[in-house]
C-alpha cells in the first residue's frame, strides 16, 4: 500500500501524514470537549469552573493549544514541535493568570494539563493510526506532543506565579493603607473605605505589636495571617509595627508566646478602630525599655505618663531630705520606699534592702524625726507611694 502524502518537520525526521493532520484538525472541537469533561470529573476544584465565562476561556485555550501544535506538525519550515507558537504560549500564560485570580493552585493547573494531554493523545493517536501513521512515527509524535504540553504547562505556571505576585503586592499595598488610616487619625468613613477596597474584614479587636525589623518575618509566620503591617511610621527606628486581629482574652497568651525572646512589645487589645491607643502604649513601653506585655507593666506606665509631674511630686514629698548628704538621703529614700511597699513590715523591708531589721528601725526613726506626724497622714502616704512607686532612673 502506497504511503499517503506527508510533510516533514525540520530537525526531527518526523513524517506526519497530511490526511492525519487534516482529520485531527477537524476533530479539535470534539477532542477539546472530551478533555474538558475529563478534567471536570477528575479535578475537584474545576467542578464549577467551566459553567461560566472561565469555562469558555479554558475550552478555547485547549483548542488553541492543539491547533498550534497541529500547525507545527503540518510542516512549517524551521519549526520545532517542542516549542509552541507565540499565540499558544500567550494563551497558556493568560490561562495561568486567570487560574490565579480564580484562587486555584498550580497543582490544579498541572493536573488539568496531565489529564487533558492524556485524553487528547488517546484520541489524536487513534485518528493518526486510522490515517495510516506507522509505529515509529507515532512514537516520535507522542514524544513531541508531551514535550509541547510541558512547554504550555510551564507557561501557565509562569502566568499563575506572575499574577499571584502582582495580586499579592497590590493587596498588600491596600492592607498597608488600612493600617495607615487606622493610625493617622483618619475619619471612620475613610478607614472603612480602605478596608472595603482591601477586602479586609474588620475584627473585633486589634493589638499593636512593636517588633525589631530583623524579627518581623518569624513573628509574622507565628501569628495570624490576617495581621496588618504598618510601614514608614515616623519614630519607629529599627522596629516594625504589626496590628494583630482578635488577640484578646484567652488568645493573648498565644500571642505572647509567639513574641517571647523576639525583643517585641505588645500593647493592649482595643476595639479595632481604636488601635491607635494600643500603638501609643506599646511605643511608650518601648521608650521605657519594657518588653513583651504592657498589661503586666501598668503601674510603671501609669506613674511615668507625665515625667515632669512625677519629678515635681518627687521633689515635693522628699523636701524634708533635701538638706542631708546625698548618700544619706538616698539610703533613707530607699528605706521609705520599701517601708511603703511592704506596709511597714520591718523584716520584709530589711530583706528587700539586704540590711538588718535594726538598721531599718534606726532609719525609720530618722525619717519620723524629719517628717513628724505627717508620715501617718494618708494624703502624704499616697503622694509618697506615687512618687516612689518606680525607680528614680525610670522616673526621669
Protein backbone atom coordinates (compact mmCIF):
# COMPACT_ATOMS: atom_id res chain seq x y z
CA UNK A 1 0.00 0.00 0.00
CA UNK A 2 1.42 3.34 -1.00
CA UNK A 3 2.19 5.80 1.82
CA UNK A 4 -0.12 8.85 1.79
CA UNK A 5 1.45 12.21 1.02
CA UNK A 6 3.27 13.57 4.07
CA UNK A 7 5.22 16.56 5.27
CA UNK A 8 8.39 16.59 7.31
CA UNK A 9 9.17 18.89 10.24
CA UNK A 10 12.69 20.19 10.21
CA UNK A 11 15.21 18.66 12.57
CA UNK A 12 13.21 15.68 13.83
CA UNK A 13 12.90 13.26 10.90
CA UNK A 14 9.17 13.09 11.69
CA UNK A 15 6.74 12.43 8.84
CA UNK A 16 3.09 13.22 9.60
CA UNK A 17 0.59 12.07 7.02
CA UNK A 18 -1.28 15.03 5.60
CA UNK A 19 -4.50 13.09 5.94
CA UNK A 20 -3.84 12.53 9.65
CA UNK A 21 -3.17 16.22 10.23
CA UNK A 22 -6.35 17.14 8.37
CA UNK A 23 -8.53 14.69 10.26
CA UNK A 24 -7.07 15.61 13.66
CA UNK A 25 -7.69 19.29 12.89
CA UNK A 26 -11.33 18.57 12.03
CA UNK A 27 -11.81 16.78 15.35
CA UNK A 28 -10.29 19.52 17.54
CA UNK A 29 -13.58 20.87 18.99
CA UNK A 30 -14.74 17.39 19.97
CA UNK A 31 -11.35 16.41 21.38
CA UNK A 32 -11.18 19.63 23.41
CA UNK A 33 -14.65 18.99 24.81
CA UNK A 34 -13.70 15.47 25.85
CA UNK A 35 -10.57 16.79 27.56
CA UNK A 36 -12.62 19.39 29.43
CA UNK A 37 -15.12 16.73 30.56
CA UNK A 38 -12.32 14.54 31.91
CA UNK A 39 -10.78 17.47 33.78
CA UNK A 40 -14.13 18.30 35.41
CA UNK A 41 -14.54 14.70 36.52
CA UNK A 42 -11.03 14.19 37.88
CA UNK A 43 -10.00 17.59 39.34
CA UNK A 44 -12.48 18.63 42.07
CA UNK A 45 -11.56 22.32 42.00
CA UNK A 46 -12.71 22.51 38.37
CA UNK A 47 -16.20 21.14 39.02
CA UNK A 48 -17.84 24.56 38.79
CA UNK A 49 -15.15 26.34 36.82
CA UNK A 50 -16.49 25.55 33.36
CA UNK A 51 -20.03 26.79 33.84
CA UNK A 52 -19.31 30.49 33.25
CA UNK A 53 -17.04 32.67 31.10
CA UNK A 54 -13.95 30.99 32.55
CA UNK A 55 -15.13 27.66 31.15
CA UNK A 56 -15.30 29.08 27.65
CA UNK A 57 -11.84 30.58 28.09
CA UNK A 58 -10.39 27.22 29.09
CA UNK A 59 -12.10 25.40 26.21
CA UNK A 60 -10.72 27.98 23.80
CA UNK A 61 -7.25 27.61 25.33
CA UNK A 62 -7.36 23.84 24.81
CA UNK A 63 -8.37 24.20 21.17
CA UNK A 64 -5.76 26.91 20.61
CA UNK A 65 -3.01 24.72 22.06
CA UNK A 66 -3.96 21.74 19.91
CA UNK A 67 -4.36 23.86 16.78
CA UNK A 68 -0.95 25.41 17.38
CA UNK A 69 0.62 22.01 17.67
CA UNK A 70 -1.01 20.75 14.51
CA UNK A 71 0.14 23.87 12.66
CA UNK A 72 3.71 22.96 13.58
CA UNK A 73 3.12 19.30 12.84
CA UNK A 74 1.84 20.15 9.38
CA UNK A 75 5.40 21.04 8.38
CA UNK A 76 6.01 24.77 8.80
CA UNK A 77 9.60 25.35 7.76
CA UNK A 78 12.09 25.76 10.58
CA UNK A 79 9.50 24.82 13.19
CA UNK A 80 10.37 22.91 16.34
CA UNK A 81 7.44 20.87 17.61
CA UNK A 82 8.73 21.20 21.17
CA UNK A 83 8.44 25.00 21.03
CA UNK A 84 4.83 26.25 20.97
CA UNK A 85 3.98 29.18 18.75
CA UNK A 86 3.55 32.59 20.37
CA UNK A 87 -0.29 32.57 20.40
CA UNK A 88 -0.35 29.20 22.14
CA UNK A 89 2.20 30.28 24.72
CA UNK A 90 0.31 33.53 25.35
CA UNK A 91 -2.95 31.61 25.70
CA UNK A 92 -1.39 29.26 28.25
CA UNK A 93 0.18 32.17 30.12
CA UNK A 94 -3.12 34.05 30.33
CA UNK A 95 -4.85 30.85 31.41
CA UNK A 96 -2.42 30.63 34.34
CA UNK A 97 -3.13 34.24 35.31
CA UNK A 98 -6.86 33.57 35.21
CA UNK A 99 -6.50 30.50 37.36
CA UNK A 100 -4.59 32.52 39.98
CA UNK A 101 -7.37 35.11 40.02
CA UNK A 102 -9.87 32.27 40.48
CA UNK A 103 -7.97 31.03 43.51
CA UNK A 104 -6.84 27.70 42.07
CA UNK A 105 -3.35 26.43 42.69
CA UNK A 106 -0.65 25.43 40.24
CA UNK A 107 -1.25 21.83 41.36
CA UNK A 108 -4.75 22.05 39.89
CA UNK A 109 -3.42 23.52 36.63
CA UNK A 110 -0.76 20.85 36.22
CA UNK A 111 -3.27 18.10 36.98
CA UNK A 112 -5.58 19.54 34.31
CA UNK A 113 -2.74 19.55 31.80
CA UNK A 114 -1.85 15.92 32.56
CA UNK A 115 -5.45 14.78 32.19
CA UNK A 116 -6.05 16.89 29.10
CA UNK A 117 -2.85 15.62 27.47
CA UNK A 118 -3.84 12.03 28.18
CA UNK A 119 -7.30 12.43 26.64
CA UNK A 120 -6.07 14.43 23.67
CA UNK A 121 -3.29 11.96 22.91
CA UNK A 122 -5.62 8.99 23.15
CA UNK A 123 -8.00 10.47 20.58
CA UNK A 124 -5.39 12.07 18.31
CA UNK A 125 -3.28 8.92 18.21
CA UNK A 126 -6.34 6.86 17.31
CA UNK A 127 -7.06 9.20 14.42
CA UNK A 128 -3.41 9.14 13.36
CA UNK A 129 -3.32 5.34 13.26
CA UNK A 130 -6.52 5.21 11.24
CA UNK A 131 -4.96 7.70 8.83
CA UNK A 132 -2.01 5.36 8.24
CA UNK A 133 0.69 6.64 10.63
CA UNK A 134 3.31 3.93 11.26
CA UNK A 135 4.51 2.91 14.72
CA UNK A 136 7.89 4.65 14.60
CA UNK A 137 6.33 7.94 13.52
CA UNK A 138 3.60 7.54 16.15
CA UNK A 139 6.21 7.08 18.90
CA UNK A 140 8.11 10.21 17.82
CA UNK A 141 4.80 12.04 17.56
CA UNK A 142 3.93 11.06 21.16
CA UNK A 143 7.28 12.31 22.46
CA UNK A 144 6.82 15.68 20.81
CA UNK A 145 3.19 16.01 21.89
CA UNK A 146 4.11 15.66 25.55
CA UNK A 147 7.17 17.92 25.20
CA UNK A 148 4.84 20.53 23.70
CA UNK A 149 2.39 20.12 26.61
CA UNK A 150 5.26 20.54 29.08
CA UNK A 151 6.10 23.89 27.47
CA UNK A 152 2.50 25.04 27.76
CA UNK A 153 2.35 23.86 31.38
CA UNK A 154 5.42 25.93 32.17
CA UNK A 155 3.84 28.98 30.52
CA UNK A 156 0.67 28.58 32.60
CA UNK A 157 2.67 28.19 35.82
CA UNK A 158 4.63 31.35 34.93
CA UNK A 159 1.35 33.21 34.37
CA UNK A 160 -0.01 31.94 37.69
CA UNK A 161 3.14 32.98 39.54
CA UNK A 162 3.19 36.44 37.96
CA UNK A 163 -0.48 37.05 38.73
CA UNK A 164 -0.07 35.82 42.30
CA UNK A 165 2.93 38.08 42.84
CA UNK A 166 1.18 41.08 41.31
CA UNK A 167 -2.07 40.48 43.20
CA UNK A 168 -0.15 39.93 46.41
CA UNK A 169 1.73 43.22 46.04
CA UNK A 170 -1.42 45.16 45.19
CA UNK A 171 -3.40 43.72 48.09
CA UNK A 172 -0.50 44.26 50.49
CA UNK A 173 -0.45 47.92 49.46
CA UNK A 174 -4.18 48.15 50.12
CA UNK A 175 -3.76 46.49 53.53
CA UNK A 176 -0.90 48.85 54.36
CA UNK A 177 -3.25 51.71 53.58
CA UNK A 178 -5.81 50.34 56.05
CA UNK A 179 -3.15 50.29 58.77
CA UNK A 180 -2.08 53.81 57.89
CA UNK A 181 -5.67 55.09 58.08
CA UNK A 182 -6.14 53.44 61.47
CA UNK A 183 -3.07 55.15 62.88
CA UNK A 184 -3.15 58.62 61.32
CA UNK A 185 -6.46 59.74 62.76
CA UNK A 186 -8.42 59.41 59.53
CA UNK A 187 -12.23 59.65 59.81
CA UNK A 188 -14.10 56.38 60.31
CA UNK A 189 -15.53 56.63 56.79
CA UNK A 190 -12.03 56.74 55.28
CA UNK A 191 -10.92 53.74 57.34
CA UNK A 192 -13.95 51.69 56.30
CA UNK A 193 -13.49 52.65 52.65
CA UNK A 194 -9.85 51.48 52.78
CA UNK A 195 -10.94 48.22 54.43
CA UNK A 196 -13.52 47.56 51.70
CA UNK A 197 -11.01 48.23 48.93
CA UNK A 198 -8.54 45.82 50.55
CA UNK A 199 -11.25 43.17 51.03
CA UNK A 200 -10.33 43.19 54.73
CA UNK A 201 -12.99 42.19 57.25
CA UNK A 202 -12.55 44.25 60.44
CA UNK A 203 -12.00 42.04 63.51
CA UNK A 204 -13.41 42.69 66.97
CA UNK A 205 -10.07 43.94 68.33
CA UNK A 206 -6.59 44.82 67.18
CA UNK A 207 -3.41 44.63 69.23
CA UNK A 208 -0.39 46.76 68.31
CA UNK A 209 2.92 44.91 68.49
CA UNK A 210 6.32 46.53 68.03
CA UNK A 211 8.82 44.04 66.61
CA UNK A 212 12.50 44.53 65.78
CA UNK A 213 12.73 44.60 61.98
CA UNK A 214 15.07 41.59 61.99
CA UNK A 215 12.41 39.55 63.82
CA UNK A 216 9.46 40.59 61.65
CA UNK A 217 9.41 37.57 59.35
CA UNK A 218 9.44 34.88 62.09
CA UNK A 219 6.84 36.79 64.09
CA UNK A 220 4.53 37.11 61.08
CA UNK A 221 4.94 33.40 60.49
CA UNK A 222 3.84 32.63 64.06
CA UNK A 223 0.77 34.87 64.35
CA UNK A 224 -2.47 35.41 62.45
CA UNK A 225 -2.07 35.66 58.65
CA UNK A 226 -4.65 38.47 58.75
CA UNK A 227 -2.33 40.77 60.72
CA UNK A 228 -1.72 44.22 59.27
CA UNK A 229 1.71 45.78 58.91
CA UNK A 230 2.30 49.49 59.29
CA UNK A 231 5.20 50.82 57.26
CA UNK A 232 7.13 54.08 57.20
CA UNK A 233 5.81 55.31 60.54
CA UNK A 234 7.92 58.14 61.98
CA UNK A 235 9.85 57.37 65.13
CA UNK A 236 9.84 53.58 64.81
CA UNK A 237 13.61 53.46 64.29
CA UNK A 238 14.54 49.76 63.99
CA UNK A 239 11.06 48.49 64.85
CA UNK A 240 8.21 47.31 62.65
CA UNK A 241 4.58 47.60 63.73
CA UNK A 242 2.13 44.71 63.39
CA UNK A 243 -1.58 45.00 64.15
CA UNK A 244 -2.83 41.60 65.27
CA UNK A 245 -6.56 40.83 64.99
CA UNK A 246 -8.57 39.29 67.82
CA UNK A 247 -5.67 38.53 70.16
CA UNK A 248 -7.72 39.38 73.25
CA UNK A 249 -8.90 37.29 76.18
CA UNK A 250 -7.75 33.68 76.09
CA UNK A 251 -5.94 34.26 72.80
CA UNK A 252 -3.47 36.77 74.23
CA UNK A 253 -1.19 34.15 75.87
CA UNK A 254 -0.69 32.56 72.44
CA UNK A 255 0.39 35.91 71.01
CA UNK A 256 2.78 36.48 73.90
CA UNK A 257 4.34 33.04 73.39
CA UNK A 258 4.95 33.89 69.74
CA UNK A 259 6.70 37.12 70.81
CA UNK A 260 8.85 35.62 73.56
CA UNK A 261 12.59 36.20 73.09
CA UNK A 262 11.90 38.33 69.98
CA UNK A 263 12.50 41.70 71.62
CA UNK A 264 8.88 42.64 70.91
CA UNK A 265 6.37 44.58 72.99
CA UNK A 266 2.59 44.15 72.75
CA UNK A 267 0.10 46.84 73.57
CA UNK A 268 -3.38 46.09 74.89
CA UNK A 269 -6.18 44.72 72.71
CA UNK A 270 -8.52 47.53 71.71
CA UNK A 271 -11.64 47.77 69.52
CA UNK A 272 -10.18 47.65 66.03
CA UNK A 273 -10.94 51.27 65.16
CA UNK A 274 -9.18 52.40 68.38
CA UNK A 275 -5.92 50.56 67.77
CA UNK A 276 -4.00 53.85 67.86
CA UNK A 277 -4.34 53.71 71.66
CA UNK A 278 -2.70 50.28 71.69
CA UNK A 279 0.11 51.55 69.48
CA UNK A 280 0.72 54.59 71.70
CA UNK A 281 1.02 52.40 74.79
CA UNK A 282 3.34 49.92 73.10
CA UNK A 283 5.53 52.76 71.94
CA UNK A 284 5.73 54.29 75.43
CA UNK A 285 6.63 50.89 76.84
CA UNK A 286 9.39 50.60 74.25
CA UNK A 287 10.77 54.01 75.27
CA UNK A 288 10.82 52.83 78.89
CA UNK A 289 12.74 49.72 77.89
CA UNK A 290 9.87 47.35 78.70
CA UNK A 291 9.29 44.20 76.68
CA UNK A 292 6.61 41.68 75.72
CA UNK A 293 3.44 42.53 77.68
CA UNK A 294 2.39 46.05 78.54
CA UNK A 295 -0.51 44.65 80.56
CA UNK A 296 1.93 43.45 83.22
CA UNK A 297 3.62 46.85 83.35
CA UNK A 298 0.59 49.05 84.01
CA UNK A 299 1.78 50.64 87.30
CA UNK A 300 5.03 51.83 85.75
CA UNK A 301 3.23 53.05 82.64
CA UNK A 302 0.74 55.00 84.74
CA UNK A 303 3.37 56.50 87.04
CA UNK A 304 5.56 57.60 84.13
CA UNK A 305 2.75 59.01 81.99
CA UNK A 306 3.81 62.56 82.89
CA UNK A 307 7.52 62.53 83.75
CA UNK A 308 7.64 66.23 84.64
CA UNK A 309 4.72 65.93 87.04
CA UNK A 310 6.33 62.88 88.64
CA UNK A 311 9.61 64.73 89.09
CA UNK A 312 7.79 67.68 90.71
CA UNK A 313 5.86 65.37 93.04
CA UNK A 314 9.03 63.53 93.99
CA UNK A 315 10.84 66.77 94.79
CA UNK A 316 7.92 67.98 96.93
CA UNK A 317 7.43 64.87 99.06
CA UNK A 318 11.19 64.38 99.54
CA UNK A 319 11.78 68.00 100.55
CA UNK A 320 12.46 67.03 104.23
CA UNK A 321 15.55 65.12 102.99
CA UNK A 322 16.90 67.96 100.89
CA UNK A 323 19.46 69.16 103.49
CA UNK A 324 21.00 65.72 104.03
CA UNK A 325 24.15 64.49 102.37
CA UNK A 326 23.27 62.74 99.03
CA UNK A 327 24.35 59.31 100.25
CA UNK A 328 22.28 59.59 103.42
CA UNK A 329 19.28 60.96 101.52
CA UNK A 330 19.47 58.07 99.06
CA UNK A 331 19.52 55.45 101.85
CA UNK A 332 16.55 57.00 103.62
CA UNK A 333 14.65 57.30 100.31
CA UNK A 334 15.22 53.59 99.59
CA UNK A 335 14.11 52.70 103.12
CA UNK A 336 10.98 54.87 102.87
CA UNK A 337 10.03 53.29 99.51
CA UNK A 338 10.47 49.74 100.88
CA UNK A 339 8.52 50.65 104.03
CA UNK A 340 5.60 51.90 101.91
CA UNK A 341 5.61 48.94 99.52
CA UNK A 342 5.87 46.34 102.32
CA UNK A 343 3.25 48.06 104.52
CA UNK A 344 5.70 48.75 107.33
CA UNK A 345 6.65 45.09 107.92
CA UNK A 346 10.18 45.55 109.27
CA UNK A 347 11.53 42.09 108.44
CA UNK A 348 10.25 42.31 104.86
CA UNK A 349 11.75 45.78 104.47
CA UNK A 350 15.09 44.54 105.79
CA UNK A 351 15.05 41.58 103.39
CA UNK A 352 14.29 43.85 100.43
CA UNK A 353 17.15 46.19 101.35
CA UNK A 354 19.58 43.42 102.40
CA UNK A 355 20.09 45.06 105.80
CA UNK A 356 19.45 44.08 109.43
CA UNK A 357 15.98 44.82 110.86
CA UNK A 358 17.64 47.04 113.44
CA UNK A 359 19.04 49.15 110.59
CA UNK A 360 15.50 49.58 109.29
CA UNK A 361 14.31 50.60 112.76
CA UNK A 362 17.10 53.17 113.02
CA UNK A 363 16.42 54.67 109.60
CA UNK A 364 12.67 54.83 110.16
CA UNK A 365 13.40 56.68 113.40
CA UNK A 366 15.35 59.27 111.37
CA UNK A 367 12.51 59.57 108.87
CA UNK A 368 9.95 60.14 111.64
CA UNK A 369 12.10 62.92 113.04
CA UNK A 370 12.22 64.55 109.57
CA UNK A 371 8.54 64.12 108.67
CA UNK A 372 6.96 64.14 112.11
CA UNK A 373 3.31 63.15 112.40
CA UNK A 374 2.85 63.80 108.67
CA UNK A 375 4.26 60.36 107.98
CA UNK A 376 0.93 58.95 109.20
CA UNK A 377 -1.13 61.31 107.02
CA UNK A 378 -2.96 59.23 104.31
CA UNK A 379 -2.57 62.00 101.74
CA UNK A 380 1.19 62.14 102.26
CA UNK A 381 1.40 58.33 102.22
CA UNK A 382 -0.44 58.34 98.86
CA UNK A 383 1.84 61.04 97.44
CA UNK A 384 4.96 59.22 98.68
CA UNK A 385 3.73 55.92 97.21
CA UNK A 386 3.14 57.51 93.82
CA UNK A 387 6.42 59.42 93.85
CA UNK A 388 8.49 56.41 94.92
CA UNK A 389 6.48 53.73 93.12
CA UNK A 390 9.00 53.50 90.30
CA UNK A 391 12.75 53.71 90.40
CA UNK A 392 14.37 57.10 90.12
CA UNK A 393 16.02 56.06 86.84
CA UNK A 394 12.71 55.36 85.12
CA UNK A 395 11.06 58.47 86.55
CA UNK A 396 13.37 60.76 84.63
